Amino acid sequence: MGIEAEIRERLEAAFSPERLHVTNESGKHAGHAGDHGSGESHWHVEIEAAAFKDMGRVQRHRAVHAALGDVMERIHALALDVR
C-alpha cells in the first residue's frame, strides 16, 4: 500500500471526515532536503471533520499526527489544513 492510501485509510478511520483531500507534493521538492527519492516524501492534507469542532489548531494537528502514527516517520513533510 502506498503512502497516500495509508494516509486516507487512517484519517478516514479516525475522523470520518466530511471532506478529505490528500495531495502528493513531492515533485515540487525534488532534490531538496528530505527528498529521499521515493516520490512520497512531501504531502498536503486538507481535512474537515466534526471531530475537530471543539479542538484548537494545535490539538487538531496533534490528533492528525497521532492518527497517522508511523506514517509520519516515513515522510519528510506534511502540510495540514484542518477544519
Protein backbone atom coordinates (compact mmCIF):
# COMPACT_ATOMS: atom_id res chain seq x y z
CA MET A 1 0.00 0.00 0.00
CA GLY A 2 1.33 3.43 -0.89
CA ILE A 3 1.63 6.37 1.48
CA GLU A 4 -1.39 8.18 0.00
CA ALA A 5 -3.64 5.18 0.58
CA GLU A 6 -2.34 4.81 4.14
CA ILE A 7 -2.96 8.48 4.89
CA ARG A 8 -6.51 8.26 3.54
CA GLU A 9 -7.30 5.00 5.33
CA ARG A 10 -6.03 6.17 8.71
CA LEU A 11 -7.67 9.59 8.59
CA GLU A 12 -11.00 8.19 7.41
CA ALA A 13 -10.94 5.61 10.22
CA ALA A 14 -10.01 8.14 12.89
CA PHE A 15 -12.21 11.10 11.92
CA SER A 16 -14.90 10.07 9.39
CA PRO A 17 -14.25 13.32 7.54
CA GLU A 18 -16.86 15.16 5.51
CA ARG A 19 -14.02 16.27 3.25
CA LEU A 20 -10.56 14.78 2.74
CA HIS A 21 -8.09 15.78 0.06
CA VAL A 22 -4.57 14.28 0.01
CA THR A 23 -2.01 15.75 -2.38
CA ASN A 24 1.45 14.40 -3.08
CA GLU A 25 3.67 17.47 -3.40
CA SER A 26 6.95 15.55 -3.58
CA GLY A 27 7.61 16.63 -7.16
CA LYS A 28 7.83 20.25 -6.01
CA HIS A 29 10.65 19.31 -3.64
CA ALA A 30 12.81 17.05 -5.83
CA GLY A 31 16.44 17.47 -4.89
CA HIS A 32 15.64 19.43 -1.73
CA ALA A 33 16.28 18.40 1.86
CA GLY A 34 14.12 15.47 2.82
CA ASP A 35 13.61 14.22 -0.72
CA HIS A 36 14.60 10.58 -0.29
CA GLY A 37 13.86 9.67 -3.90
CA SER A 38 10.69 7.68 -3.20
CA GLY A 39 8.37 10.27 -4.73
CA GLU A 40 6.39 10.11 -1.49
CA SER A 41 8.20 12.49 0.85
CA HIS A 42 6.06 15.67 0.91
CA TRP A 43 2.28 15.74 1.46
CA HIS A 44 -0.55 18.22 1.82
CA VAL A 45 -3.75 17.16 3.58
CA GLU A 46 -6.99 19.11 3.72
CA ILE A 47 -9.46 17.55 6.12
CA GLU A 48 -12.79 18.70 7.50
CA ALA A 49 -14.49 16.69 10.24
CA ALA A 50 -16.92 17.21 13.10
CA ALA A 51 -14.36 15.56 15.37
CA PHE A 52 -12.26 18.76 15.23
CA LYS A 53 -15.12 21.06 16.30
CA ASP A 54 -14.01 21.66 19.89
CA MET A 55 -10.25 21.43 19.26
CA GLY A 56 -7.80 24.26 18.89
CA ARG A 57 -5.38 24.36 15.96
CA VAL A 58 -2.53 22.64 17.82
CA GLN A 59 -4.87 19.94 19.15
CA ARG A 60 -6.20 19.27 15.62
CA HIS A 61 -2.69 18.93 14.22
CA ARG A 62 -1.64 16.63 17.06
CA ALA A 63 -4.73 14.48 16.51
CA VAL A 64 -3.90 14.10 12.80
CA HIS A 65 -0.27 13.24 13.57
CA ALA A 66 -1.40 10.67 16.15
CA ALA A 67 -3.85 9.10 13.69
CA LEU A 68 -1.11 8.80 11.07
CA GLY A 69 1.23 7.11 13.54
CA ASP A 70 4.30 5.57 11.88
CA VAL A 71 3.45 7.17 8.53
CA MET A 72 4.96 10.34 10.00
CA GLU A 73 8.30 8.53 10.34
CA ARG A 74 8.31 7.63 6.64
CA ILE A 75 7.66 11.07 5.20
CA HIS A 76 9.61 14.32 5.40
CA ALA A 77 6.88 16.96 5.38
CA LEU A 78 3.15 17.22 5.99
CA ALA A 79 1.26 20.45 5.38
CA LEU A 80 -2.15 20.48 7.07
CA ASP A 81 -5.39 22.40 6.62
CA VAL A 82 -7.65 21.03 9.35
CA ARG A 83 -11.21 22.28 9.84
